[in-house]
Amino acid sequence: MEIRARLKKIKLFISDVDGVFTDGSFFINGELGEFKKFNALDGLGVKLLQNAGIPVAVISGRQSLATTERMTKLDIEDIIQGEVTKLEAYEKLKIKYGVSDDEIAYIGDDVIDVPLLRKVGLAVSVPNSVTEARENAHYITQKSGGDGALREVADMILKAQNKYYFALEKFTGIKY
């Protein structure tokens, strides 16, 4: 199936966090805790998907207060962390949103993402991911994780579904 046909079917967008929303780095400073760098382009990609009626969820293998804070600010309802085996969380999201595998996009960068990449209708990885993730992706982004990769895919989905300008108008209040 060609990529455009896959993009048109998407009704739920699920993402990994470290290596997708971020470049995979995190900084730990004792009592000050953990710091992560998130890209504003990805944040707007989330908002545009939401404005177009496509829910966004995250499933991360790590527990992180920085992740909770950023995803909460983006109004992501489903922030699932500490799930190294992601299939159970995935199945729960599938039921919650009443969607089938081919209506789900997933973006991930590491070996723990491979089972989901193999299930979904649109499997996406980033160029700075491990080989196994790239080998199981339908699409590898031009942008790296933490550098607008999520936004790249969000824009592709919205344009394929003719919802891009609607989502922009809803976000900005400006007619395009």
N, C-alpha and C. Protein backbone atom coordinates (compact mmCIF):
# COMPACT_ATOMS: atom_id res chain seq x y z
N MET A 1 0.85 -1.18 0.00
CA MET A 1 0.00 0.00 0.00
C MET A 1 0.90 1.24 0.00
N GLU A 2 0.56 2.21 -0.81
CA GLU A 2 1.38 3.42 -0.88
C GLU A 2 1.18 4.28 0.37
N ILE A 3 2.15 5.12 0.65
CA ILE A 3 2.16 5.91 1.89
C ILE A 3 0.95 6.84 1.98
N ARG A 4 0.56 7.46 0.88
CA ARG A 4 -0.59 8.39 0.91
C ARG A 4 -1.87 7.67 1.33
N ALA A 5 -2.08 6.46 0.87
CA ALA A 5 -3.26 5.69 1.25
C ALA A 5 -3.23 5.39 2.75
N ARG A 6 -2.05 5.10 3.29
CA ARG A 6 -1.91 4.86 4.72
C ARG A 6 -2.23 6.14 5.51
N LEU A 7 -1.71 7.26 5.06
CA LEU A 7 -1.92 8.55 5.74
C LEU A 7 -3.41 8.91 5.82
N LYS A 8 -4.14 8.64 4.77
CA LYS A 8 -5.56 8.99 4.70
C LYS A 8 -6.40 8.25 5.73
N LYS A 9 -5.97 7.07 6.17
CA LYS A 9 -6.75 6.24 7.09
C LYS A 9 -6.57 6.60 8.56
N ILE A 10 -5.58 7.41 8.90
CA ILE A 10 -5.20 7.60 10.30
C ILE A 10 -6.27 8.33 11.11
N LYS A 11 -6.63 7.70 12.25
CA LYS A 11 -7.61 8.28 13.19
C LYS A 11 -7.03 8.43 14.59
N LEU A 12 -5.85 7.86 14.84
CA LEU A 12 -5.18 7.95 16.14
C LEU A 12 -3.68 7.99 15.90
N PHE A 13 -3.01 8.92 16.55
CA PHE A 13 -1.55 9.09 16.42
C PHE A 13 -0.92 8.77 17.77
N ILE A 14 -0.02 7.78 17.78
CA ILE A 14 0.68 7.39 19.01
C ILE A 14 2.17 7.59 18.79
N SER A 15 2.83 8.12 19.81
CA SER A 15 4.26 8.38 19.69
C SER A 15 5.03 7.87 20.89
N ASP A 16 6.25 7.45 20.64
CA ASP A 16 7.25 7.28 21.67
C ASP A 16 7.68 8.69 22.07
N VAL A 17 8.46 8.82 23.15
CA VAL A 17 8.90 10.15 23.57
C VAL A 17 10.40 10.34 23.32
N ASP A 18 11.23 9.62 24.07
CA ASP A 18 12.68 9.80 23.95
C ASP A 18 13.15 9.29 22.60
N GLY A 19 13.74 10.17 21.82
CA GLY A 19 14.20 9.84 20.48
C GLY A 19 13.23 10.27 19.40
N VAL A 20 12.02 10.70 19.77
CA VAL A 20 11.04 11.21 18.82
C VAL A 20 10.70 12.66 19.17
N PHE A 21 10.09 12.88 20.32
CA PHE A 21 9.85 14.24 20.81
C PHE A 21 11.18 14.91 21.20
N THR A 22 12.17 14.09 21.54
CA THR A 22 13.49 14.60 21.92
C THR A 22 14.53 13.90 21.04
N ASP A 23 15.77 14.34 21.15
CA ASP A 23 16.84 13.67 20.40
C ASP A 23 17.35 12.42 21.12
N GLY A 24 16.69 12.07 22.21
CA GLY A 24 17.06 10.89 22.98
C GLY A 24 17.95 11.21 24.16
N SER A 25 18.42 12.45 24.23
CA SER A 25 19.27 12.86 25.35
C SER A 25 18.41 13.33 26.52
N PHE A 26 18.91 13.13 27.70
CA PHE A 26 18.32 13.76 28.87
C PHE A 26 19.45 14.06 29.83
N PHE A 27 19.24 15.09 30.61
CA PHE A 27 20.27 15.56 31.52
C PHE A 27 19.80 15.35 32.95
N ILE A 28 20.63 14.76 33.76
CA ILE A 28 20.28 14.49 35.15
C ILE A 28 21.24 15.26 36.04
N ASN A 29 20.66 16.03 36.96
CA ASN A 29 21.46 16.87 37.84
C ASN A 29 21.04 16.64 39.28
N GLY A 30 21.34 15.47 39.80
CA GLY A 30 21.08 15.18 41.21
C GLY A 30 19.72 15.62 41.67
N GLU A 31 19.73 16.50 42.67
CA GLU A 31 18.47 16.94 43.28
C GLU A 31 17.61 17.81 42.38
N LEU A 32 18.19 18.36 41.32
CA LEU A 32 17.40 19.16 40.39
C LEU A 32 16.60 18.28 39.43
N GLY A 33 16.95 17.02 39.36
CA GLY A 33 16.18 16.07 38.55
C GLY A 33 16.62 16.00 37.11
N GLU A 34 15.68 15.63 36.26
CA GLU A 34 15.94 15.37 34.84
C GLU A 34 15.46 16.53 33.98
N PHE A 35 16.24 16.83 32.96
CA PHE A 35 15.88 17.87 31.99
C PHE A 35 15.87 17.26 30.60
N LYS A 36 14.91 17.70 29.79
CA LYS A 36 14.82 17.27 28.40
C LYS A 36 14.56 18.49 27.54
N LYS A 37 15.00 18.41 26.30
CA LYS A 37 14.74 19.47 25.32
C LYS A 37 13.67 18.98 24.35
N PHE A 38 12.57 19.70 24.28
CA PHE A 38 11.50 19.39 23.34
C PHE A 38 11.47 20.46 22.25
N ASN A 39 11.02 20.10 21.06
CA ASN A 39 10.98 21.02 19.93
C ASN A 39 9.57 21.59 19.77
N ALA A 40 9.49 22.91 19.64
CA ALA A 40 8.20 23.58 19.48
C ALA A 40 7.46 23.14 18.21
N LEU A 41 8.20 22.78 17.17
CA LEU A 41 7.55 22.31 15.94
C LEU A 41 6.69 21.08 16.22
N ASP A 42 7.24 20.16 17.02
CA ASP A 42 6.49 18.95 17.36
C ASP A 42 5.26 19.28 18.19
N GLY A 43 5.41 20.24 19.10
CA GLY A 43 4.28 20.66 19.92
C GLY A 43 3.13 21.18 19.07
N LEU A 44 3.46 21.99 18.07
CA LEU A 44 2.41 22.50 17.19
C LEU A 44 1.83 21.38 16.34
N GLY A 45 2.65 20.42 15.96
CA GLY A 45 2.13 19.26 15.23
C GLY A 45 1.07 18.53 16.03
N VAL A 46 1.32 18.36 17.33
CA VAL A 46 0.33 17.74 18.22
C VAL A 46 -0.96 18.55 18.22
N LYS A 47 -0.84 19.86 18.41
CA LYS A 47 -2.04 20.71 18.47
C LYS A 47 -2.82 20.67 17.15
N LEU A 48 -2.12 20.64 16.02
CA LEU A 48 -2.81 20.59 14.73
C LEU A 48 -3.57 19.27 14.56
N LEU A 49 -2.94 18.16 14.94
CA LEU A 49 -3.65 16.87 14.88
C LEU A 49 -4.89 16.91 15.75
N GLN A 50 -4.74 17.41 16.98
CA GLN A 50 -5.89 17.49 17.89
C GLN A 50 -6.99 18.37 17.31
N ASN A 51 -6.60 19.50 16.72
CA ASN A 51 -7.59 20.41 16.14
C ASN A 51 -8.32 19.79 14.95
N ALA A 52 -7.69 18.83 14.32
CA ALA A 52 -8.32 18.14 13.19
C ALA A 52 -9.11 16.91 13.66
N GLY A 53 -9.18 16.70 14.97
CA GLY A 53 -9.96 15.58 15.51
C GLY A 53 -9.19 14.27 15.58
N ILE A 54 -7.87 14.33 15.48
CA ILE A 54 -7.05 13.12 15.58
C ILE A 54 -6.37 13.13 16.95
N PRO A 55 -6.79 12.27 17.86
CA PRO A 55 -6.18 12.25 19.19
C PRO A 55 -4.71 11.80 19.12
N VAL A 56 -3.93 12.32 20.06
CA VAL A 56 -2.51 11.97 20.17
C VAL A 56 -2.29 11.35 21.54
N ALA A 57 -1.55 10.24 21.56
CA ALA A 57 -1.19 9.57 22.80
C ALA A 57 0.31 9.29 22.77
N VAL A 58 0.89 9.13 23.96
CA VAL A 58 2.30 8.74 24.03
C VAL A 58 2.44 7.49 24.88
N ILE A 59 3.36 6.63 24.44
CA ILE A 59 3.74 5.44 25.21
C ILE A 59 5.26 5.47 25.30
N SER A 60 5.76 5.61 26.51
CA SER A 60 7.20 5.70 26.72
C SER A 60 7.69 4.57 27.61
N GLY A 61 8.84 4.08 27.31
CA GLY A 61 9.43 3.03 28.14
C GLY A 61 9.98 3.55 29.46
N ARG A 62 10.14 4.86 29.55
CA ARG A 62 10.70 5.48 30.76
C ARG A 62 9.66 6.35 31.45
N GLN A 63 9.78 6.43 32.75
CA GLN A 63 8.96 7.34 33.56
C GLN A 63 9.74 8.64 33.70
N SER A 64 9.10 9.78 33.45
CA SER A 64 9.80 11.06 33.51
C SER A 64 8.84 12.19 33.84
N LEU A 65 9.19 12.99 34.84
CA LEU A 65 8.38 14.16 35.18
C LEU A 65 8.42 15.19 34.06
N ALA A 66 9.56 15.31 33.38
CA ALA A 66 9.67 16.25 32.26
C ALA A 66 8.70 15.87 31.14
N THR A 67 8.58 14.58 30.87
CA THR A 67 7.63 14.11 29.87
C THR A 67 6.20 14.42 30.30
N THR A 68 5.88 14.13 31.54
CA THR A 68 4.53 14.41 32.04
C THR A 68 4.19 15.89 31.89
N GLU A 69 5.12 16.74 32.26
CA GLU A 69 4.87 18.19 32.19
C GLU A 69 4.65 18.64 30.75
N ARG A 70 5.51 18.22 29.83
CA ARG A 70 5.37 18.65 28.44
C ARG A 70 4.10 18.11 27.81
N MET A 71 3.81 16.85 28.01
CA MET A 71 2.62 16.26 27.38
C MET A 71 1.33 16.84 27.97
N THR A 72 1.36 17.15 29.26
CA THR A 72 0.20 17.78 29.89
C THR A 72 -0.04 19.16 29.29
N LYS A 73 1.04 19.91 29.07
CA LYS A 73 0.91 21.25 28.45
C LYS A 73 0.36 21.16 27.03
N LEU A 74 0.59 20.03 26.38
CA LEU A 74 0.06 19.83 25.02
C LEU A 74 -1.35 19.24 25.03
N ASP A 75 -1.94 19.10 26.22
CA ASP A 75 -3.29 18.55 26.36
C ASP A 75 -3.41 17.12 25.84
N ILE A 76 -2.32 16.36 25.96
CA ILE A 76 -2.37 14.94 25.61
C ILE A 76 -2.96 14.20 26.81
N GLU A 77 -4.07 13.55 26.57
CA GLU A 77 -4.80 12.86 27.63
C GLU A 77 -4.13 11.55 28.04
N ASP A 78 -3.64 10.82 27.05
CA ASP A 78 -3.07 9.50 27.31
C ASP A 78 -1.55 9.58 27.32
N ILE A 79 -0.99 9.70 28.53
CA ILE A 79 0.45 9.78 28.75
C ILE A 79 0.84 8.51 29.51
N ILE A 80 1.29 7.52 28.78
CA ILE A 80 1.59 6.20 29.36
C ILE A 80 3.10 6.07 29.43
N GLN A 81 3.61 5.91 30.66
CA GLN A 81 5.06 5.87 30.86
C GLN A 81 5.46 4.62 31.64
N GLY A 82 6.73 4.27 31.50
CA GLY A 82 7.25 3.11 32.22
C GLY A 82 6.80 1.79 31.62
N GLU A 83 6.44 1.81 30.35
CA GLU A 83 5.94 0.61 29.66
C GLU A 83 6.97 0.15 28.64
N VAL A 84 7.88 -0.71 29.05
CA VAL A 84 8.89 -1.23 28.13
C VAL A 84 8.24 -2.14 27.10
N THR A 85 7.29 -2.95 27.52
CA THR A 85 6.50 -3.77 26.61
C THR A 85 5.24 -2.95 26.30
N LYS A 86 5.19 -2.37 25.14
CA LYS A 86 4.17 -1.36 24.82
C LYS A 86 2.87 -1.92 24.26
N LEU A 87 2.83 -3.20 23.93
CA LEU A 87 1.65 -3.77 23.28
C LEU A 87 0.38 -3.68 24.12
N GLU A 88 0.48 -3.92 25.42
CA GLU A 88 -0.71 -3.87 26.27
C GLU A 88 -1.32 -2.46 26.29
N ALA A 89 -0.46 -1.46 26.43
CA ALA A 89 -0.94 -0.07 26.42
C ALA A 89 -1.55 0.27 25.06
N TYR A 90 -0.93 -0.21 24.00
CA TYR A 90 -1.42 0.00 22.64
C TYR A 90 -2.83 -0.58 22.47
N GLU A 91 -3.00 -1.81 22.91
CA GLU A 91 -4.31 -2.46 22.77
C GLU A 91 -5.39 -1.71 23.54
N LYS A 92 -5.06 -1.19 24.71
CA LYS A 92 -6.02 -0.41 25.50
C LYS A 92 -6.40 0.88 24.77
N LEU A 93 -5.43 1.53 24.14
CA LEU A 93 -5.73 2.75 23.38
C LEU A 93 -6.60 2.43 22.17
N LYS A 94 -6.32 1.33 21.53
CA LYS A 94 -7.11 0.90 20.36
C LYS A 94 -8.58 0.72 20.74
N ILE A 95 -8.80 0.09 21.88
CA ILE A 95 -10.18 -0.12 22.36
C ILE A 95 -10.80 1.21 22.77
N LYS A 96 -10.08 2.01 23.52
CA LYS A 96 -10.60 3.30 23.99
C LYS A 96 -11.09 4.16 22.83
N TYR A 97 -10.31 4.21 21.74
CA TYR A 97 -10.65 5.09 20.62
C TYR A 97 -11.45 4.38 19.52
N GLY A 98 -11.70 3.08 19.68
CA GLY A 98 -12.52 2.36 18.72
C GLY A 98 -11.93 2.34 17.32
N VAL A 99 -10.62 2.14 17.24
CA VAL A 99 -9.95 2.13 15.95
C VAL A 99 -9.29 0.77 15.70
N SER A 100 -9.01 0.50 14.44
CA SER A 100 -8.31 -0.72 14.07
C SER A 100 -6.83 -0.39 13.84
N ASP A 101 -6.01 -1.42 13.75
CA ASP A 101 -4.58 -1.22 13.55
C ASP A 101 -4.27 -0.32 12.37
N ASP A 102 -4.98 -0.52 11.25
CA ASP A 102 -4.66 0.26 10.05
C ASP A 102 -5.08 1.73 10.16
N GLU A 103 -5.77 2.10 11.23
CA GLU A 103 -6.16 3.50 11.45
C GLU A 103 -5.25 4.21 12.46
N ILE A 104 -4.15 3.54 12.82
CA ILE A 104 -3.24 4.09 13.82
C ILE A 104 -1.88 4.35 13.20
N ALA A 105 -1.33 5.52 13.51
CA ALA A 105 0.06 5.85 13.16
C ALA A 105 0.87 5.74 14.44
N TYR A 106 2.06 5.18 14.32
CA TYR A 106 2.98 5.11 15.46
C TYR A 106 4.36 5.53 14.99
N ILE A 107 5.02 6.35 15.79
CA ILE A 107 6.38 6.77 15.49
C ILE A 107 7.28 6.39 16.67
N GLY A 108 8.35 5.66 16.35
CA GLY A 108 9.28 5.20 17.38
C GLY A 108 10.69 5.08 16.83
N ASP A 109 11.65 4.90 17.74
CA ASP A 109 13.04 4.93 17.32
C ASP A 109 13.91 3.79 17.84
N ASP A 110 13.36 2.87 18.64
CA ASP A 110 14.22 1.87 19.24
C ASP A 110 13.60 0.48 19.14
N VAL A 111 14.34 -0.53 19.59
CA VAL A 111 13.87 -1.91 19.46
C VAL A 111 12.58 -2.17 20.22
N ILE A 112 12.33 -1.45 21.31
CA ILE A 112 11.08 -1.68 22.05
C ILE A 112 9.86 -1.15 21.29
N ASP A 113 10.10 -0.38 20.23
CA ASP A 113 9.01 0.13 19.40
C ASP A 113 8.64 -0.81 18.25
N VAL A 114 9.50 -1.75 17.94
CA VAL A 114 9.31 -2.62 16.78
C VAL A 114 7.97 -3.37 16.81
N PRO A 115 7.54 -3.97 17.94
CA PRO A 115 6.24 -4.65 17.91
C PRO A 115 5.08 -3.74 17.47
N LEU A 116 5.10 -2.48 17.87
CA LEU A 116 4.05 -1.56 17.45
C LEU A 116 4.24 -1.15 15.99
N LEU A 117 5.47 -0.91 15.59
CA LEU A 117 5.73 -0.57 14.19
C LEU A 117 5.22 -1.66 13.25
N ARG A 118 5.28 -2.90 13.70
CA ARG A 118 4.82 -4.02 12.87
C ARG A 118 3.29 -4.15 12.83
N LYS A 119 2.58 -3.55 13.77
CA LYS A 119 1.12 -3.70 13.87
C LYS A 119 0.34 -2.60 13.16
N VAL A 120 0.85 -1.37 13.21
CA VAL A 120 0.06 -0.21 12.82
C VAL A 120 -0.05 -0.02 11.31
N GLY A 121 -1.03 0.78 10.93
CA GLY A 121 -1.24 1.11 9.53
C GLY A 121 -0.18 2.03 8.97
N LEU A 122 0.35 2.91 9.81
CA LEU A 122 1.42 3.82 9.39
C LEU A 122 2.53 3.75 10.43
N ALA A 123 3.60 3.04 10.09
CA ALA A 123 4.76 2.88 10.97
C ALA A 123 5.83 3.87 10.54
N VAL A 124 6.25 4.71 11.48
CA VAL A 124 7.21 5.77 11.17
C VAL A 124 8.39 5.68 12.11
N SER A 125 9.57 5.92 11.57
CA SER A 125 10.76 6.02 12.39
C SER A 125 11.54 7.26 11.96
N VAL A 126 12.59 7.54 12.70
CA VAL A 126 13.41 8.73 12.46
C VAL A 126 14.79 8.29 11.96
N PRO A 127 15.50 9.16 11.25
CA PRO A 127 16.79 8.74 10.70
C PRO A 127 17.84 8.40 11.76
N ASN A 128 17.68 8.94 12.96
CA ASN A 128 18.64 8.66 14.03
C ASN A 128 18.16 7.51 14.93
N SER A 129 17.30 6.65 14.39
CA SER A 129 16.82 5.49 15.14
C SER A 129 17.74 4.28 14.92
N VAL A 130 17.48 3.22 15.68
CA VAL A 130 18.23 1.98 15.48
C VAL A 130 17.76 1.32 14.17
N THR A 131 18.62 0.50 13.63
CA THR A 131 18.35 -0.18 12.36
C THR A 131 17.02 -0.93 12.37
N GLU A 132 16.74 -1.66 13.45
CA GLU A 132 15.51 -2.46 13.53
C GLU A 132 14.26 -1.60 13.40
N ALA A 133 14.27 -0.41 13.97
CA ALA A 133 13.11 0.48 13.85
C ALA A 133 12.97 0.96 12.41
N ARG A 134 14.06 1.36 11.81
CA ARG A 134 13.99 1.83 10.41
C ARG A 134 13.54 0.72 9.47
N GLU A 135 14.01 -0.50 9.72
CA GLU A 135 13.64 -1.63 8.85
C GLU A 135 12.15 -1.99 8.94
N ASN A 136 11.49 -1.61 10.01
CA ASN A 136 10.07 -1.93 10.20
C ASN A 136 9.16 -0.74 9.97
N ALA A 137 9.70 0.34 9.42
CA ALA A 137 8.91 1.56 9.17
C ALA A 137 8.43 1.61 7.73
N HIS A 138 7.22 2.13 7.56
CA HIS A 138 6.72 2.43 6.21
C HIS A 138 7.35 3.72 5.71
N TYR A 139 7.71 4.59 6.67
CA TYR A 139 8.27 5.90 6.32
C TYR A 139 9.33 6.29 7.35
N ILE A 140 10.43 6.83 6.87
CA ILE A 140 11.48 7.37 7.74
C ILE A 140 11.51 8.87 7.49
N THR A 141 11.35 9.63 8.55
CA THR A 141 11.26 11.09 8.42
C THR A 141 12.57 11.68 7.89
N GLN A 142 12.45 12.86 7.29
CA GLN A 142 13.63 13.62 6.89
C GLN A 142 14.26 14.28 8.11
N LYS A 143 13.41 14.73 9.02
CA LYS A 143 13.87 15.38 10.25
C LYS A 143 14.23 14.33 11.28
N SER A 144 15.20 14.65 12.11
CA SER A 144 15.60 13.74 13.20
C SER A 144 14.67 13.88 14.39
N GLY A 145 14.71 12.88 15.26
CA GLY A 145 13.97 12.97 16.51
C GLY A 145 14.44 14.18 17.29
N GLY A 146 13.48 14.92 17.86
CA GLY A 146 13.79 16.12 18.61
C GLY A 146 14.01 17.34 17.73
N ASP A 147 13.84 17.17 16.41
CA ASP A 147 14.11 18.26 15.47
C ASP A 147 12.95 18.45 14.49
N GLY A 148 11.73 18.14 14.93
CA GLY A 148 10.56 18.35 14.09
C GLY A 148 10.07 17.12 13.34
N ALA A 149 10.55 15.93 13.69
CA ALA A 149 10.12 14.70 13.01
C ALA A 149 8.62 14.46 13.18
N LEU A 150 8.13 14.63 14.40
CA LEU A 150 6.71 14.41 14.66
C LEU A 150 5.87 15.40 13.84
N ARG A 151 6.29 16.64 13.78
CA ARG A 151 5.57 17.65 13.00
C ARG A 151 5.52 17.27 11.53
N GLU A 152 6.64 16.76 11.02
CA GLU A 152 6.70 16.35 9.62
C GLU A 152 5.59 15.33 9.32
N VAL A 153 5.43 14.36 10.20
CA VAL A 153 4.41 13.32 9.99
C VAL A 153 3.01 13.89 10.20
N ALA A 154 2.84 14.72 11.20
CA ALA A 154 1.53 15.35 11.44
C ALA A 154 1.08 16.12 10.20
N ASP A 155 1.97 16.92 9.63
CA ASP A 155 1.63 17.68 8.43
C ASP A 155 1.27 16.75 7.27
N MET A 156 2.00 15.67 7.12
CA MET A 156 1.71 14.71 6.05
C MET A 156 0.31 14.10 6.20
N ILE A 157 -0.02 13.71 7.43
CA ILE A 157 -1.34 13.13 7.69
C ILE A 157 -2.44 14.15 7.38
N LEU A 158 -2.28 15.34 7.90
CA LEU A 158 -3.31 16.37 7.73
C LEU A 158 -3.48 16.77 6.27
N LYS A 159 -2.39 16.88 5.54
CA LYS A 159 -2.48 17.23 4.12
C LYS A 159 -3.12 16.10 3.32
N ALA A 160 -2.79 14.86 3.62
CA ALA A 160 -3.38 13.72 2.91
C ALA A 160 -4.89 13.64 3.16
N GLN A 161 -5.31 14.07 4.35
CA GLN A 161 -6.73 14.02 4.71
C GLN A 161 -7.45 15.35 4.44
N ASN A 162 -6.78 16.27 3.79
CA ASN A 162 -7.33 17.60 3.49
C ASN A 162 -7.83 18.32 4.73
N LYS A 163 -7.09 18.18 5.84
CA LYS A 163 -7.46 18.82 7.10
C LYS A 163 -6.41 19.83 7.56
N TYR A 164 -5.35 20.00 6.78
CA TYR A 164 -4.23 20.84 7.20
C TYR A 164 -4.66 22.29 7.44
N TYR A 165 -5.31 22.90 6.45
CA TYR A 165 -5.68 24.31 6.59
C TYR A 165 -6.80 24.50 7.60
N PHE A 166 -7.68 23.54 7.70
CA PHE A 166 -8.72 23.58 8.74
C PHE A 166 -8.07 23.62 10.13
N ALA A 167 -7.10 22.75 10.35
CA ALA A 167 -6.41 22.68 11.65
C ALA A 167 -5.64 23.97 11.93
N LEU A 168 -5.01 24.53 10.90
CA LEU A 168 -4.29 25.80 11.06
C LEU A 168 -5.24 26.93 11.43
N GLU A 169 -6.36 27.00 10.72
CA GLU A 169 -7.36 28.03 11.00
C GLU A 169 -7.89 27.90 12.43
N LYS A 170 -8.16 26.69 12.84
CA LYS A 170 -8.68 26.45 14.18
C LYS A 170 -7.65 26.88 15.24
N PHE A 171 -6.38 26.64 14.96
CA PHE A 171 -5.32 26.98 15.92
C PHE A 171 -5.05 28.48 15.96
N THR A 172 -4.97 29.11 14.78
CA THR A 172 -4.56 30.53 14.71
C THR A 172 -5.72 31.52 14.64
N GLY A 173 -6.89 31.04 14.19
CA GLY A 173 -8.00 31.97 13.95
C GLY A 173 -7.87 32.72 12.66
N ILE A 174 -6.87 32.39 11.86
CA ILE A 174 -6.61 33.06 10.59
C ILE A 174 -7.01 32.15 9.45
N LYS A 175 -7.75 32.70 8.48
CA LYS A 175 -8.17 31.91 7.31
C LYS A 175 -7.00 31.82 6.34
N TYR A 176 -6.70 30.58 5.91
CA TYR A 176 -5.60 30.35 4.97
C TYR A 176 -6.12 30.05 3.59
